[in-house]
N, C-alpha and C. Protein backbone atom coordinates (compact mmCIF):
# COMPACT_ATOMS: atom_id res chain seq x y z
N MET A 1 -26.67 21.96 13.96
CA MET A 1 -25.27 21.70 13.68
C MET A 1 -24.79 20.43 14.41
N LEU A 2 -25.20 20.27 15.66
CA LEU A 2 -24.81 19.09 16.42
C LEU A 2 -25.33 17.82 15.76
N GLY A 3 -26.55 17.86 15.21
CA GLY A 3 -27.11 16.71 14.51
C GLY A 3 -26.30 16.34 13.28
N LEU A 4 -25.85 17.34 12.54
CA LEU A 4 -25.04 17.09 11.35
C LEU A 4 -23.71 16.46 11.74
N THR A 5 -23.09 16.96 12.79
CA THR A 5 -21.83 16.40 13.25
C THR A 5 -22.00 14.94 13.66
N ALA A 6 -23.09 14.63 14.36
CA ALA A 6 -23.35 13.25 14.77
C ALA A 6 -23.57 12.37 13.55
N PHE A 7 -24.30 12.87 12.55
CA PHE A 7 -24.56 12.11 11.33
C PHE A 7 -23.25 11.79 10.62
N VAL A 8 -22.38 12.81 10.49
CA VAL A 8 -21.09 12.61 9.83
C VAL A 8 -20.27 11.58 10.61
N ALA A 9 -20.24 11.71 11.92
CA ALA A 9 -19.47 10.77 12.73
C ALA A 9 -19.98 9.35 12.57
N LEU A 10 -21.28 9.15 12.51
CA LEU A 10 -21.83 7.82 12.32
C LEU A 10 -21.45 7.26 10.96
N ARG A 11 -21.56 8.09 9.92
CA ARG A 11 -21.23 7.62 8.57
C ARG A 11 -19.75 7.25 8.48
N VAL A 12 -18.88 8.07 9.03
CA VAL A 12 -17.45 7.80 8.98
C VAL A 12 -17.13 6.57 9.81
N GLY A 13 -17.72 6.46 10.99
CA GLY A 13 -17.48 5.31 11.84
C GLY A 13 -17.88 4.01 11.17
N ALA A 14 -18.93 4.04 10.37
CA ALA A 14 -19.38 2.84 9.68
C ALA A 14 -18.44 2.44 8.56
N ALA A 15 -17.61 3.36 8.12
CA ALA A 15 -16.75 3.09 6.97
C ALA A 15 -15.37 2.61 7.36
N HIS A 16 -15.16 2.24 8.61
CA HIS A 16 -13.81 1.95 9.05
C HIS A 16 -13.34 0.53 8.77
N ALA A 17 -14.21 -0.36 8.34
CA ALA A 17 -13.80 -1.74 8.14
C ALA A 17 -12.77 -1.83 7.02
N GLN A 18 -11.69 -2.51 7.29
CA GLN A 18 -10.62 -2.68 6.31
C GLN A 18 -10.36 -4.16 6.11
N ASP A 19 -9.78 -4.50 4.99
CA ASP A 19 -9.30 -5.85 4.73
C ASP A 19 -8.11 -6.06 5.67
N ALA A 20 -8.20 -7.02 6.55
CA ALA A 20 -7.15 -7.24 7.54
C ALA A 20 -5.80 -7.50 6.90
N GLY A 21 -5.77 -8.03 5.68
CA GLY A 21 -4.52 -8.28 4.99
C GLY A 21 -3.77 -7.03 4.61
N MET A 22 -4.44 -5.90 4.64
CA MET A 22 -3.82 -4.62 4.29
C MET A 22 -3.21 -3.93 5.51
N LEU A 23 -3.58 -4.38 6.69
CA LEU A 23 -3.21 -3.65 7.91
C LEU A 23 -2.11 -4.34 8.69
N ASP A 24 -1.34 -3.55 9.41
CA ASP A 24 -0.34 -4.04 10.34
C ASP A 24 -1.06 -4.28 11.66
N GLN A 25 -1.13 -5.51 12.07
CA GLN A 25 -1.88 -5.87 13.27
C GLN A 25 -1.28 -5.29 14.55
N HIS A 26 -0.05 -4.79 14.49
CA HIS A 26 0.58 -4.16 15.66
C HIS A 26 0.09 -2.73 15.87
N VAL A 27 -0.55 -2.16 14.85
CA VAL A 27 -1.00 -0.77 14.94
C VAL A 27 -2.50 -0.76 15.23
N THR A 28 -2.84 -0.29 16.41
CA THR A 28 -4.24 -0.16 16.82
C THR A 28 -4.43 1.24 17.38
N GLN A 29 -5.67 1.59 17.63
CA GLN A 29 -5.94 2.89 18.24
C GLN A 29 -5.17 3.03 19.55
N GLN A 30 -5.08 1.93 20.29
CA GLN A 30 -4.41 1.97 21.59
C GLN A 30 -2.88 2.05 21.46
N SER A 31 -2.32 1.59 20.34
CA SER A 31 -0.86 1.55 20.21
C SER A 31 -0.27 2.68 19.36
N ILE A 32 -1.09 3.63 18.93
CA ILE A 32 -0.56 4.64 18.01
C ILE A 32 0.58 5.45 18.61
N GLY A 33 0.59 5.64 19.91
CA GLY A 33 1.68 6.40 20.55
C GLY A 33 3.03 5.71 20.43
N GLU A 34 3.00 4.38 20.41
CA GLU A 34 4.25 3.61 20.30
C GLU A 34 4.55 3.22 18.86
N THR A 35 3.60 3.44 17.96
CA THR A 35 3.80 3.02 16.58
C THR A 35 3.78 4.24 15.67
N ILE A 36 2.70 4.49 14.98
CA ILE A 36 2.69 5.50 13.92
C ILE A 36 2.97 6.93 14.40
N CYS A 37 2.68 7.22 15.65
CA CYS A 37 2.92 8.59 16.15
C CYS A 37 4.33 8.77 16.71
N ARG A 38 5.09 7.72 16.72
CA ARG A 38 6.48 7.78 17.17
C ARG A 38 7.36 8.20 15.99
N PRO A 39 8.14 9.26 16.13
CA PRO A 39 9.01 9.69 15.02
C PRO A 39 9.89 8.55 14.52
N GLY A 40 9.94 8.40 13.20
CA GLY A 40 10.79 7.38 12.59
C GLY A 40 10.19 5.99 12.53
N TYR A 41 8.95 5.83 12.99
CA TYR A 41 8.34 4.50 13.04
C TYR A 41 8.34 3.81 11.68
N ALA A 42 7.92 4.49 10.64
CA ALA A 42 7.77 3.85 9.33
C ALA A 42 9.09 3.25 8.85
N SER A 43 10.19 3.92 9.09
CA SER A 43 11.48 3.39 8.62
C SER A 43 11.91 2.16 9.41
N THR A 44 11.40 2.00 10.62
CA THR A 44 11.77 0.82 11.41
C THR A 44 11.05 -0.44 10.96
N VAL A 45 9.92 -0.30 10.28
CA VAL A 45 9.16 -1.48 9.85
C VAL A 45 9.21 -1.72 8.34
N ALA A 46 9.78 -0.80 7.61
CA ALA A 46 9.83 -0.93 6.15
C ALA A 46 10.74 -2.08 5.74
N PRO A 47 10.30 -2.87 4.77
CA PRO A 47 11.17 -3.93 4.25
C PRO A 47 12.31 -3.31 3.44
N PRO A 48 13.33 -4.09 3.16
CA PRO A 48 14.45 -3.56 2.37
C PRO A 48 13.96 -3.01 1.02
N PHE A 49 14.60 -1.92 0.61
CA PHE A 49 14.26 -1.24 -0.63
C PHE A 49 14.30 -2.19 -1.82
N ASP A 50 15.30 -3.04 -1.88
CA ASP A 50 15.43 -3.97 -3.01
C ASP A 50 14.24 -4.90 -3.11
N GLU A 51 13.71 -5.35 -1.98
CA GLU A 51 12.52 -6.21 -1.99
C GLU A 51 11.32 -5.47 -2.58
N LEU A 52 11.13 -4.24 -2.16
CA LEU A 52 10.01 -3.46 -2.67
C LEU A 52 10.15 -3.19 -4.17
N MET A 53 11.34 -2.88 -4.61
CA MET A 53 11.54 -2.61 -6.03
C MET A 53 11.34 -3.88 -6.87
N ALA A 54 11.72 -5.03 -6.34
CA ALA A 54 11.47 -6.29 -7.05
C ALA A 54 9.97 -6.52 -7.18
N HIS A 55 9.23 -6.21 -6.12
CA HIS A 55 7.77 -6.36 -6.17
C HIS A 55 7.17 -5.39 -7.18
N LYS A 56 7.66 -4.18 -7.20
CA LYS A 56 7.18 -3.19 -8.16
C LYS A 56 7.45 -3.67 -9.59
N ASP A 57 8.64 -4.18 -9.84
CA ASP A 57 8.98 -4.68 -11.17
C ASP A 57 8.03 -5.80 -11.60
N ARG A 58 7.71 -6.71 -10.68
CA ARG A 58 6.75 -7.79 -11.00
C ARG A 58 5.38 -7.23 -11.34
N MET A 59 4.93 -6.25 -10.57
CA MET A 59 3.61 -5.65 -10.82
C MET A 59 3.58 -4.92 -12.16
N LEU A 60 4.65 -4.21 -12.47
CA LEU A 60 4.73 -3.51 -13.76
C LEU A 60 4.66 -4.52 -14.91
N ALA A 61 5.41 -5.60 -14.79
CA ALA A 61 5.42 -6.63 -15.83
C ALA A 61 4.03 -7.26 -15.98
N GLU A 62 3.37 -7.54 -14.86
CA GLU A 62 2.02 -8.13 -14.90
C GLU A 62 1.04 -7.21 -15.63
N ARG A 63 1.25 -5.92 -15.54
CA ARG A 63 0.36 -4.95 -16.18
C ARG A 63 0.83 -4.53 -17.57
N GLY A 64 1.92 -5.13 -18.02
CA GLY A 64 2.42 -4.84 -19.36
C GLY A 64 3.03 -3.46 -19.50
N ILE A 65 3.53 -2.91 -18.41
CA ILE A 65 4.15 -1.59 -18.44
C ILE A 65 5.64 -1.78 -18.72
N GLU A 66 6.11 -1.09 -19.73
CA GLU A 66 7.51 -1.19 -20.15
C GLU A 66 8.46 -0.69 -19.06
N ALA A 67 9.65 -1.28 -19.01
CA ALA A 67 10.66 -0.88 -18.03
C ALA A 67 11.03 0.59 -18.18
N ASP A 68 11.00 1.10 -19.41
CA ASP A 68 11.33 2.52 -19.63
C ASP A 68 10.33 3.46 -18.96
N ASP A 69 9.12 2.97 -18.70
CA ASP A 69 8.07 3.79 -18.08
C ASP A 69 7.96 3.56 -16.57
N ALA A 70 8.80 2.71 -16.01
CA ALA A 70 8.71 2.34 -14.59
C ALA A 70 8.85 3.55 -13.66
N ALA A 71 9.66 4.52 -14.04
CA ALA A 71 9.87 5.69 -13.18
C ALA A 71 8.63 6.56 -13.05
N ASP A 72 7.66 6.36 -13.93
CA ASP A 72 6.42 7.13 -13.86
C ASP A 72 5.45 6.59 -12.82
N PHE A 73 5.78 5.42 -12.25
CA PHE A 73 4.88 4.76 -11.31
C PHE A 73 5.53 4.56 -9.96
N ALA A 74 4.70 4.58 -8.93
CA ALA A 74 5.16 4.33 -7.57
C ALA A 74 4.52 3.05 -7.06
N LEU A 75 5.25 2.36 -6.23
CA LEU A 75 4.68 1.22 -5.52
C LEU A 75 3.86 1.83 -4.39
N ASP A 76 2.56 1.65 -4.45
CA ASP A 76 1.63 2.28 -3.52
C ASP A 76 1.21 1.31 -2.44
N ARG A 77 1.19 1.79 -1.22
CA ARG A 77 0.56 1.02 -0.14
C ARG A 77 -0.84 1.59 -0.01
N ARG A 78 -1.83 0.75 -0.27
CA ARG A 78 -3.22 1.21 -0.24
C ARG A 78 -3.55 1.89 1.08
N VAL A 79 -3.12 1.27 2.18
CA VAL A 79 -3.15 1.93 3.49
C VAL A 79 -1.69 2.20 3.83
N PRO A 80 -1.27 3.45 3.79
CA PRO A 80 0.14 3.77 4.05
C PRO A 80 0.59 3.30 5.44
N VAL A 81 1.87 2.99 5.54
CA VAL A 81 2.45 2.55 6.81
C VAL A 81 2.20 3.58 7.90
N VAL A 82 2.23 4.87 7.55
CA VAL A 82 2.02 5.92 8.55
C VAL A 82 0.59 5.95 9.08
N LEU A 83 -0.30 5.16 8.46
CA LEU A 83 -1.68 5.04 8.95
C LEU A 83 -2.00 3.59 9.35
N GLY A 84 -0.97 2.82 9.63
CA GLY A 84 -1.18 1.46 10.11
C GLY A 84 -1.31 0.41 9.03
N GLY A 85 -0.91 0.74 7.82
CA GLY A 85 -0.93 -0.24 6.74
C GLY A 85 0.25 -1.19 6.86
N SER A 86 0.05 -2.40 6.37
CA SER A 86 1.14 -3.37 6.37
C SER A 86 2.24 -2.88 5.44
N PRO A 87 3.49 -2.95 5.89
CA PRO A 87 4.58 -2.46 5.05
C PRO A 87 4.87 -3.36 3.85
N ASP A 88 4.47 -4.65 3.91
CA ASP A 88 4.87 -5.56 2.84
C ASP A 88 3.81 -6.57 2.41
N ALA A 89 2.62 -6.52 2.95
CA ALA A 89 1.58 -7.49 2.57
C ALA A 89 1.15 -7.26 1.12
N PRO A 90 1.14 -8.29 0.29
CA PRO A 90 0.72 -8.14 -1.10
C PRO A 90 -0.66 -7.49 -1.24
N ALA A 91 -1.57 -7.75 -0.32
CA ALA A 91 -2.91 -7.15 -0.39
C ALA A 91 -2.87 -5.64 -0.23
N ASN A 92 -1.79 -5.13 0.34
CA ASN A 92 -1.68 -3.69 0.58
C ASN A 92 -0.85 -2.97 -0.48
N LEU A 93 -0.35 -3.70 -1.46
CA LEU A 93 0.52 -3.09 -2.46
C LEU A 93 -0.18 -2.95 -3.81
N GLY A 94 0.06 -1.83 -4.44
CA GLY A 94 -0.49 -1.57 -5.76
C GLY A 94 0.43 -0.60 -6.48
N LEU A 95 -0.01 -0.13 -7.63
CA LEU A 95 0.75 0.86 -8.39
C LEU A 95 -0.09 2.11 -8.56
N LEU A 96 0.56 3.25 -8.47
CA LEU A 96 -0.06 4.54 -8.77
C LEU A 96 0.92 5.35 -9.60
N PRO A 97 0.42 6.22 -10.46
CA PRO A 97 1.34 7.15 -11.11
C PRO A 97 1.92 8.06 -10.03
N TRP A 98 3.12 8.57 -10.27
CA TRP A 98 3.71 9.50 -9.30
C TRP A 98 2.98 10.83 -9.28
N ALA A 99 2.63 11.32 -10.46
CA ALA A 99 2.09 12.68 -10.57
C ALA A 99 0.59 12.65 -10.84
N GLY A 100 0.00 13.85 -10.84
CA GLY A 100 -1.41 14.00 -11.16
C GLY A 100 -2.31 14.01 -9.94
N ARG A 101 -3.59 14.29 -10.18
CA ARG A 101 -4.57 14.38 -9.08
C ARG A 101 -4.69 13.09 -8.30
N GLN A 102 -4.50 11.95 -8.95
CA GLN A 102 -4.60 10.65 -8.28
C GLN A 102 -3.22 10.03 -8.05
N GLY A 103 -2.18 10.87 -8.06
CA GLY A 103 -0.81 10.39 -7.97
C GLY A 103 -0.32 10.16 -6.55
N GLU A 104 0.75 9.39 -6.46
CA GLU A 104 1.35 9.02 -5.18
C GLU A 104 1.85 10.23 -4.39
N ARG A 105 2.34 11.25 -5.06
CA ARG A 105 2.82 12.43 -4.33
C ARG A 105 1.69 13.05 -3.52
N ARG A 106 0.52 13.19 -4.12
CA ARG A 106 -0.63 13.76 -3.41
C ARG A 106 -1.14 12.81 -2.33
N LYS A 107 -1.16 11.52 -2.63
CA LYS A 107 -1.65 10.56 -1.63
C LYS A 107 -0.74 10.57 -0.40
N ALA A 108 0.57 10.65 -0.63
CA ALA A 108 1.50 10.68 0.50
C ALA A 108 1.25 11.91 1.37
N ARG A 109 0.97 13.05 0.75
CA ARG A 109 0.66 14.26 1.52
C ARG A 109 -0.64 14.08 2.31
N ALA A 110 -1.65 13.49 1.67
CA ALA A 110 -2.92 13.24 2.37
C ALA A 110 -2.69 12.32 3.57
N ALA A 111 -1.87 11.30 3.39
CA ALA A 111 -1.58 10.36 4.50
C ALA A 111 -0.90 11.07 5.66
N VAL A 112 0.04 11.97 5.35
CA VAL A 112 0.73 12.71 6.41
C VAL A 112 -0.24 13.62 7.15
N MET A 113 -1.14 14.26 6.42
CA MET A 113 -2.14 15.12 7.06
C MET A 113 -3.05 14.29 7.97
N LEU A 114 -3.50 13.15 7.47
CA LEU A 114 -4.37 12.29 8.27
C LEU A 114 -3.63 11.76 9.50
N LYS A 115 -2.37 11.38 9.34
CA LYS A 115 -1.58 10.90 10.48
C LYS A 115 -1.48 11.97 11.55
N ARG A 116 -1.23 13.20 11.12
CA ARG A 116 -1.15 14.30 12.09
C ARG A 116 -2.45 14.41 12.87
N CYS A 117 -3.56 14.31 12.17
CA CYS A 117 -4.87 14.41 12.83
C CYS A 117 -5.10 13.26 13.81
N VAL A 118 -4.66 12.06 13.43
CA VAL A 118 -4.79 10.89 14.33
C VAL A 118 -3.92 11.11 15.56
N CYS A 119 -2.70 11.52 15.35
CA CYS A 119 -1.77 11.69 16.48
C CYS A 119 -2.16 12.85 17.40
N GLU A 120 -2.88 13.83 16.86
CA GLU A 120 -3.39 14.91 17.69
C GLU A 120 -4.71 14.55 18.37
N GLY A 121 -5.26 13.38 18.07
CA GLY A 121 -6.51 12.94 18.69
C GLY A 121 -7.75 13.54 18.05
N LYS A 122 -7.61 14.11 16.86
CA LYS A 122 -8.75 14.73 16.19
C LYS A 122 -9.49 13.78 15.27
N LEU A 123 -8.87 12.67 14.91
CA LEU A 123 -9.48 11.61 14.12
C LEU A 123 -9.06 10.28 14.71
N SER A 124 -9.91 9.28 14.58
CA SER A 124 -9.50 7.95 15.00
C SER A 124 -8.67 7.32 13.88
N LEU A 125 -7.92 6.31 14.23
CA LEU A 125 -7.14 5.57 13.25
C LEU A 125 -8.06 4.97 12.19
N ALA A 126 -9.19 4.42 12.60
CA ALA A 126 -10.14 3.82 11.66
C ALA A 126 -10.70 4.86 10.69
N GLU A 127 -10.98 6.06 11.17
CA GLU A 127 -11.48 7.12 10.29
C GLU A 127 -10.44 7.49 9.24
N ALA A 128 -9.20 7.61 9.67
CA ALA A 128 -8.13 7.97 8.74
C ALA A 128 -7.91 6.87 7.71
N GLN A 129 -7.95 5.62 8.15
CA GLN A 129 -7.79 4.50 7.23
C GLN A 129 -8.92 4.46 6.21
N ALA A 130 -10.13 4.69 6.66
CA ALA A 130 -11.28 4.70 5.74
C ALA A 130 -11.13 5.82 4.72
N ALA A 131 -10.64 6.96 5.16
CA ALA A 131 -10.48 8.09 4.24
C ALA A 131 -9.42 7.82 3.19
N ILE A 132 -8.33 7.18 3.57
CA ILE A 132 -7.24 6.97 2.62
C ILE A 132 -7.56 5.86 1.62
N VAL A 133 -8.39 4.90 1.98
CA VAL A 133 -8.77 3.88 1.00
C VAL A 133 -10.03 4.26 0.25
N GLY A 134 -10.69 5.32 0.71
CA GLY A 134 -11.84 5.85 -0.01
C GLY A 134 -11.34 6.78 -1.10
N ASP A 135 -12.04 7.85 -1.33
CA ASP A 135 -11.63 8.82 -2.33
C ASP A 135 -10.67 9.80 -1.67
N TRP A 136 -9.44 9.36 -1.49
CA TRP A 136 -8.45 10.15 -0.76
C TRP A 136 -8.15 11.48 -1.44
N SER A 137 -8.39 11.60 -2.74
CA SER A 137 -8.11 12.88 -3.40
C SER A 137 -9.06 13.97 -2.90
N VAL A 138 -10.26 13.58 -2.47
CA VAL A 138 -11.19 14.53 -1.86
C VAL A 138 -10.65 14.98 -0.51
N VAL A 139 -10.11 14.04 0.24
CA VAL A 139 -9.51 14.36 1.53
C VAL A 139 -8.35 15.33 1.32
N TYR A 140 -7.52 15.04 0.33
CA TYR A 140 -6.37 15.89 0.04
C TYR A 140 -6.80 17.32 -0.25
N SER A 141 -7.81 17.47 -1.09
CA SER A 141 -8.24 18.82 -1.46
C SER A 141 -8.98 19.52 -0.33
N GLY A 142 -9.50 18.77 0.63
CA GLY A 142 -10.31 19.37 1.69
C GLY A 142 -9.57 19.71 2.96
N TYR A 143 -8.39 19.16 3.14
CA TYR A 143 -7.65 19.41 4.37
C TYR A 143 -6.71 20.58 4.22
N GLY A 144 -6.69 21.42 5.22
CA GLY A 144 -5.71 22.48 5.28
C GLY A 144 -4.61 22.07 6.23
N GLN A 145 -3.54 22.77 6.23
CA GLN A 145 -2.43 22.45 7.12
C GLN A 145 -2.82 22.65 8.59
N GLU A 146 -3.84 23.48 8.83
CA GLU A 146 -4.22 23.81 10.20
C GLU A 146 -5.44 23.03 10.67
N SER A 147 -6.10 22.31 9.80
CA SER A 147 -7.40 21.74 10.13
C SER A 147 -7.46 20.24 9.97
N CYS A 148 -8.23 19.62 10.82
CA CYS A 148 -8.57 18.20 10.70
C CYS A 148 -10.08 18.12 10.53
N ASN A 149 -10.56 18.72 9.47
CA ASN A 149 -11.99 18.86 9.23
C ASN A 149 -12.62 17.53 8.88
N ILE A 150 -13.30 16.93 9.82
CA ILE A 150 -13.91 15.62 9.63
C ILE A 150 -15.03 15.64 8.59
N SER A 151 -15.60 16.78 8.27
CA SER A 151 -16.68 16.82 7.30
C SER A 151 -16.22 16.36 5.92
N ARG A 152 -14.94 16.51 5.58
CA ARG A 152 -14.42 16.04 4.30
C ARG A 152 -14.42 14.52 4.25
N LEU A 153 -14.32 13.87 5.40
CA LEU A 153 -14.33 12.42 5.42
C LEU A 153 -15.68 11.86 5.02
N ASP A 154 -16.74 12.60 5.27
CA ASP A 154 -18.08 12.16 4.87
C ASP A 154 -18.14 12.00 3.36
N VAL A 155 -17.48 12.89 2.64
CA VAL A 155 -17.45 12.81 1.18
C VAL A 155 -16.57 11.64 0.75
N ALA A 156 -15.42 11.50 1.37
CA ALA A 156 -14.47 10.47 0.97
C ALA A 156 -14.98 9.06 1.25
N THR A 157 -15.84 8.90 2.24
CA THR A 157 -16.32 7.58 2.61
C THR A 157 -17.82 7.47 2.45
N SER A 158 -18.39 8.26 1.55
CA SER A 158 -19.83 8.32 1.41
C SER A 158 -20.43 7.05 0.83
N VAL A 159 -21.72 6.88 1.06
CA VAL A 159 -22.44 5.73 0.54
C VAL A 159 -22.72 5.96 -0.94
N GLU A 160 -22.26 5.03 -1.75
CA GLU A 160 -22.47 5.10 -3.20
C GLU A 160 -22.97 3.75 -3.67
N GLY A 161 -24.11 3.74 -4.31
CA GLY A 161 -24.61 2.49 -4.87
C GLY A 161 -24.83 1.41 -3.84
N GLY A 162 -25.21 1.81 -2.62
CA GLY A 162 -25.53 0.83 -1.60
C GLY A 162 -24.32 0.29 -0.85
N ARG A 163 -23.13 0.82 -1.10
CA ARG A 163 -21.97 0.38 -0.36
C ARG A 163 -21.19 1.60 0.09
N ILE A 164 -20.39 1.44 1.06
CA ILE A 164 -19.59 2.54 1.56
C ILE A 164 -18.33 2.61 0.73
N ALA A 165 -18.10 3.76 0.13
CA ALA A 165 -16.96 3.90 -0.79
C ALA A 165 -15.64 3.67 -0.09
N GLY A 166 -15.52 4.03 1.16
CA GLY A 166 -14.26 3.87 1.88
C GLY A 166 -14.01 2.47 2.39
N ARG A 167 -14.95 1.56 2.27
CA ARG A 167 -14.78 0.22 2.80
C ARG A 167 -14.01 -0.63 1.81
N VAL A 168 -13.09 -1.38 2.32
CA VAL A 168 -12.35 -2.33 1.50
C VAL A 168 -12.85 -3.71 1.90
N THR A 169 -13.26 -4.47 0.92
CA THR A 169 -13.73 -5.81 1.23
C THR A 169 -12.90 -6.82 0.47
N SER A 170 -12.85 -8.01 0.97
CA SER A 170 -12.11 -9.08 0.29
C SER A 170 -12.89 -9.53 -0.91
N PRO A 171 -12.23 -9.93 -2.01
CA PRO A 171 -12.95 -10.38 -3.20
C PRO A 171 -13.63 -11.71 -2.97
């Protein structure tokens, strides 16, 4: 069992590399107590709502999505602010449907669960970031409200086709 835990930890640790453009450089493992683990932190760094909605409108137009369908989509931060993602960097912004297995509502819940685990010291910030940019829907389905089960991260950041699924690389 100890060997399996070490293997999982090594695999997850290897998957922590993120595109620096997606991350808030003020949030590090050492600063989580003053940043993401501080109540209300995300609202203190969030850009004005109007700016975000203007960005969302541009992204919808670029993708040919009609204005009537805009409410079905959320402006997604690939690495959520609550996990040290940049609140406004274009590299960190995308679109997700609100609903469904791959929807923003579920991703937001997964991010909150991962943040709790980071703030309790059960996961590192890098592990949580790798999980949320990997197959976060696996993380969502694997986490309970009481558990920070790191074994689910092995699935979310597993090696597929010679690359780590949770790794974000620059194009």
